Amino acid sequence: MPTARERLTIRGNLGADSFLPWVARHAARLGLDGEIRHADAERVDIDVRGPADLIDAMEMGCLLGPIDVWVDAIERSSDPEWR
């Protein structure tokens, strides 16, 4: 399967302490390499690398995510600068 690299910019009410660990666990369960680039109560940027179908699953999981956050939107951009 070809590998894709994308940045997911998640916006909403993301201030719950559980959200960032949940994002990291979800990416790991999907077998994605991920790195959180920015995080605050309203926006989280995460760079992910892996099969495109699994990145789609990551986006869907974040939309449905933990009950203590509210995701308004997820923007995706291809080929973020990977460090």
N, C-alpha and C. Protein backbone atom coordinates (compact mmCIF):
# COMPACT_ATOMS: atom_id res chain seq x y z
N MET A 1 0.84 -1.18 0.00
CA MET A 1 0.00 0.00 0.00
C MET A 1 0.89 1.25 0.00
N PRO A 2 0.61 2.22 -0.86
CA PRO A 2 1.42 3.44 -0.88
C PRO A 2 1.21 4.25 0.40
N THR A 3 2.25 4.95 0.77
CA THR A 3 2.21 5.76 1.98
C THR A 3 1.88 7.21 1.61
N ALA A 4 0.97 7.79 2.37
CA ALA A 4 0.61 9.20 2.21
C ALA A 4 1.07 9.96 3.44
N ARG A 5 1.26 11.26 3.28
CA ARG A 5 1.56 12.14 4.40
C ARG A 5 0.55 13.28 4.35
N GLU A 6 -0.09 13.51 5.46
CA GLU A 6 -1.09 14.57 5.52
C GLU A 6 -1.06 15.25 6.88
N ARG A 7 -1.49 16.50 6.89
CA ARG A 7 -1.72 17.21 8.14
C ARG A 7 -3.22 17.28 8.35
N LEU A 8 -3.66 16.87 9.53
CA LEU A 8 -5.06 17.01 9.93
C LEU A 8 -5.13 18.18 10.89
N THR A 9 -5.91 19.19 10.53
CA THR A 9 -6.16 20.32 11.41
C THR A 9 -7.56 20.15 11.96
N ILE A 10 -7.63 19.86 13.24
CA ILE A 10 -8.89 19.57 13.92
C ILE A 10 -9.31 20.82 14.67
N ARG A 11 -10.55 21.26 14.44
CA ARG A 11 -11.07 22.47 15.09
C ARG A 11 -12.34 22.14 15.86
N GLY A 12 -12.50 22.79 16.99
CA GLY A 12 -13.69 22.60 17.80
C GLY A 12 -13.42 22.92 19.25
N ASN A 13 -14.19 22.30 20.13
CA ASN A 13 -13.99 22.43 21.57
C ASN A 13 -13.14 21.24 22.01
N LEU A 14 -11.84 21.44 22.01
CA LEU A 14 -10.89 20.34 22.18
C LEU A 14 -10.12 20.42 23.49
N GLY A 15 -10.61 21.17 24.45
CA GLY A 15 -9.88 21.45 25.66
C GLY A 15 -9.78 20.33 26.68
N ALA A 16 -10.47 19.23 26.46
CA ALA A 16 -10.42 18.13 27.43
C ALA A 16 -9.02 17.51 27.48
N ASP A 17 -8.55 17.23 28.69
CA ASP A 17 -7.22 16.65 28.86
C ASP A 17 -7.09 15.28 28.19
N SER A 18 -8.19 14.63 27.94
CA SER A 18 -8.14 13.28 27.37
C SER A 18 -7.91 13.27 25.86
N PHE A 19 -8.08 14.42 25.19
CA PHE A 19 -8.09 14.40 23.73
C PHE A 19 -6.74 14.06 23.11
N LEU A 20 -5.67 14.72 23.52
CA LEU A 20 -4.37 14.45 22.89
C LEU A 20 -3.90 13.01 23.10
N PRO A 21 -4.00 12.45 24.32
CA PRO A 21 -3.65 11.03 24.45
C PRO A 21 -4.55 10.13 23.61
N TRP A 22 -5.82 10.49 23.49
CA TRP A 22 -6.74 9.70 22.67
C TRP A 22 -6.30 9.72 21.21
N VAL A 23 -5.95 10.91 20.69
CA VAL A 23 -5.49 11.04 19.31
C VAL A 23 -4.25 10.17 19.08
N ALA A 24 -3.29 10.24 20.00
CA ALA A 24 -2.06 9.46 19.85
C ALA A 24 -2.36 7.96 19.87
N ARG A 25 -3.23 7.51 20.77
CA ARG A 25 -3.58 6.07 20.83
C ARG A 25 -4.30 5.63 19.56
N HIS A 26 -5.20 6.47 19.07
CA HIS A 26 -5.97 6.12 17.87
C HIS A 26 -5.04 5.98 16.67
N ALA A 27 -4.11 6.90 16.51
CA ALA A 27 -3.15 6.81 15.41
C ALA A 27 -2.31 5.54 15.53
N ALA A 28 -1.86 5.23 16.74
CA ALA A 28 -1.06 4.02 16.94
C ALA A 28 -1.85 2.76 16.64
N ARG A 29 -3.11 2.72 17.06
CA ARG A 29 -3.95 1.54 16.77
C ARG A 29 -4.13 1.33 15.28
N LEU A 30 -4.17 2.41 14.54
CA LEU A 30 -4.32 2.32 13.09
C LEU A 30 -2.99 2.04 12.39
N GLY A 31 -1.91 2.07 13.14
CA GLY A 31 -0.59 1.82 12.56
C GLY A 31 -0.03 3.02 11.82
N LEU A 32 -0.50 4.22 12.17
CA LEU A 32 -0.02 5.44 11.53
C LEU A 32 1.12 6.04 12.34
N ASP A 33 2.08 6.62 11.64
CA ASP A 33 3.08 7.46 12.30
C ASP A 33 2.43 8.81 12.46
N GLY A 34 2.48 9.38 13.65
CA GLY A 34 1.86 10.66 13.86
C GLY A 34 2.66 11.54 14.78
N GLU A 35 2.54 12.84 14.56
CA GLU A 35 3.21 13.81 15.41
C GLU A 35 2.30 15.02 15.57
N ILE A 36 2.01 15.36 16.81
CA ILE A 36 1.19 16.53 17.09
C ILE A 36 2.07 17.76 16.94
N ARG A 37 1.67 18.67 16.06
CA ARG A 37 2.45 19.87 15.75
C ARG A 37 1.98 21.10 16.54
N HIS A 38 0.71 21.14 16.84
CA HIS A 38 0.13 22.28 17.57
C HIS A 38 -1.07 21.76 18.34
N ALA A 39 -1.28 22.29 19.53
CA ALA A 39 -2.45 21.89 20.30
C ALA A 39 -2.87 23.02 21.21
N ASP A 40 -4.12 23.40 21.11
CA ASP A 40 -4.72 24.30 22.09
C ASP A 40 -6.19 23.90 22.23
N ALA A 41 -6.95 24.66 22.97
CA ALA A 41 -8.34 24.27 23.28
C ALA A 41 -9.26 24.31 22.07
N GLU A 42 -8.82 24.95 20.98
CA GLU A 42 -9.69 25.08 19.79
C GLU A 42 -9.11 24.48 18.53
N ARG A 43 -7.81 24.14 18.54
CA ARG A 43 -7.20 23.58 17.32
C ARG A 43 -6.08 22.62 17.67
N VAL A 44 -6.06 21.50 16.94
CA VAL A 44 -4.97 20.54 17.04
C VAL A 44 -4.51 20.24 15.61
N ASP A 45 -3.20 20.36 15.38
CA ASP A 45 -2.61 19.97 14.10
C ASP A 45 -1.81 18.70 14.34
N ILE A 46 -2.09 17.67 13.56
CA ILE A 46 -1.33 16.43 13.66
C ILE A 46 -0.88 16.02 12.27
N ASP A 47 0.40 15.72 12.12
CA ASP A 47 0.92 15.19 10.87
C ASP A 47 0.89 13.67 10.98
N VAL A 48 0.30 13.04 9.97
CA VAL A 48 0.21 11.58 9.97
C VAL A 48 0.80 11.03 8.68
N ARG A 49 1.34 9.83 8.80
CA ARG A 49 1.92 9.16 7.64
C ARG A 49 1.48 7.71 7.69
N GLY A 50 1.00 7.21 6.53
CA GLY A 50 0.57 5.83 6.42
C GLY A 50 -0.34 5.66 5.22
N PRO A 51 -0.95 4.50 5.07
CA PRO A 51 -1.87 4.27 3.96
C PRO A 51 -3.05 5.26 3.99
N ALA A 52 -3.43 5.75 2.82
CA ALA A 52 -4.49 6.77 2.71
C ALA A 52 -5.79 6.30 3.36
N ASP A 53 -6.13 5.02 3.20
CA ASP A 53 -7.37 4.51 3.80
C ASP A 53 -7.33 4.62 5.33
N LEU A 54 -6.16 4.42 5.90
CA LEU A 54 -6.05 4.51 7.36
C LEU A 54 -6.06 5.97 7.83
N ILE A 55 -5.56 6.87 7.00
CA ILE A 55 -5.67 8.30 7.33
C ILE A 55 -7.14 8.71 7.28
N ASP A 56 -7.89 8.16 6.31
CA ASP A 56 -9.34 8.40 6.28
C ASP A 56 -10.00 7.91 7.57
N ALA A 57 -9.58 6.73 8.03
CA ALA A 57 -10.13 6.17 9.27
C ALA A 57 -9.76 7.04 10.47
N MET A 58 -8.56 7.61 10.44
CA MET A 58 -8.15 8.52 11.52
C MET A 58 -9.05 9.74 11.55
N GLU A 59 -9.32 10.30 10.39
CA GLU A 59 -10.21 11.47 10.32
C GLU A 59 -11.60 11.12 10.87
N MET A 60 -12.14 10.00 10.46
CA MET A 60 -13.47 9.59 10.92
C MET A 60 -13.47 9.36 12.43
N GLY A 61 -12.43 8.72 12.93
CA GLY A 61 -12.33 8.48 14.36
C GLY A 61 -12.30 9.78 15.15
N CYS A 62 -11.55 10.76 14.64
CA CYS A 62 -11.47 12.05 15.34
C CYS A 62 -12.81 12.78 15.29
N LEU A 63 -13.54 12.65 14.20
CA LEU A 63 -14.86 13.28 14.12
C LEU A 63 -15.81 12.68 15.15
N LEU A 64 -15.69 11.39 15.37
CA LEU A 64 -16.56 10.70 16.33
C LEU A 64 -15.98 10.69 17.73
N GLY A 65 -14.70 10.94 17.81
CA GLY A 65 -13.83 10.96 18.97
C GLY A 65 -14.41 10.83 20.36
N PRO A 66 -13.61 11.11 21.35
CA PRO A 66 -14.07 10.94 22.72
C PRO A 66 -15.24 11.86 23.02
N ILE A 67 -16.05 11.44 23.94
CA ILE A 67 -17.31 12.14 24.23
C ILE A 67 -17.10 13.51 24.87
N ASP A 68 -15.93 13.74 25.45
CA ASP A 68 -15.72 15.01 26.15
C ASP A 68 -15.15 16.13 25.29
N VAL A 69 -15.10 15.92 23.97
CA VAL A 69 -14.71 16.99 23.04
C VAL A 69 -15.78 17.11 21.96
N TRP A 70 -15.76 18.26 21.29
CA TRP A 70 -16.66 18.47 20.16
C TRP A 70 -15.83 18.94 18.98
N VAL A 71 -15.79 18.10 17.91
CA VAL A 71 -15.04 18.44 16.71
C VAL A 71 -16.00 19.12 15.73
N ASP A 72 -15.70 20.36 15.37
CA ASP A 72 -16.50 21.09 14.39
C ASP A 72 -16.09 20.75 12.96
N ALA A 73 -14.78 20.64 12.73
CA ALA A 73 -14.29 20.41 11.36
C ALA A 73 -12.89 19.83 11.41
N ILE A 74 -12.56 19.12 10.34
CA ILE A 74 -11.19 18.65 10.14
C ILE A 74 -10.79 19.04 8.73
N GLU A 75 -9.69 19.77 8.64
CA GLU A 75 -9.12 20.14 7.35
C GLU A 75 -7.92 19.25 7.11
N ARG A 76 -7.77 18.80 5.86
CA ARG A 76 -6.65 17.95 5.50
C ARG A 76 -5.80 18.64 4.45
N SER A 77 -4.50 18.57 4.61
CA SER A 77 -3.60 19.08 3.60
C SER A 77 -2.53 18.03 3.35
N SER A 78 -2.17 17.89 2.09
CA SER A 78 -1.22 16.86 1.69
C SER A 78 0.21 17.31 1.88
N ASP A 79 1.06 16.33 2.10
CA ASP A 79 2.51 16.50 2.15
C ASP A 79 2.98 17.61 3.08
N PRO A 80 2.66 17.50 4.37
CA PRO A 80 3.23 18.48 5.30
C PRO A 80 4.74 18.28 5.38
N GLU A 81 5.43 19.28 5.85
CA GLU A 81 6.86 19.14 6.07
C GLU A 81 7.05 18.13 7.19
N TRP A 82 7.67 17.02 6.91
CA TRP A 82 7.85 15.95 7.90
C TRP A 82 9.24 16.05 8.48
N ARG A 83 9.33 16.15 9.78
CA ARG A 83 10.64 16.29 10.44
C ARG A 83 11.03 15.03 11.14
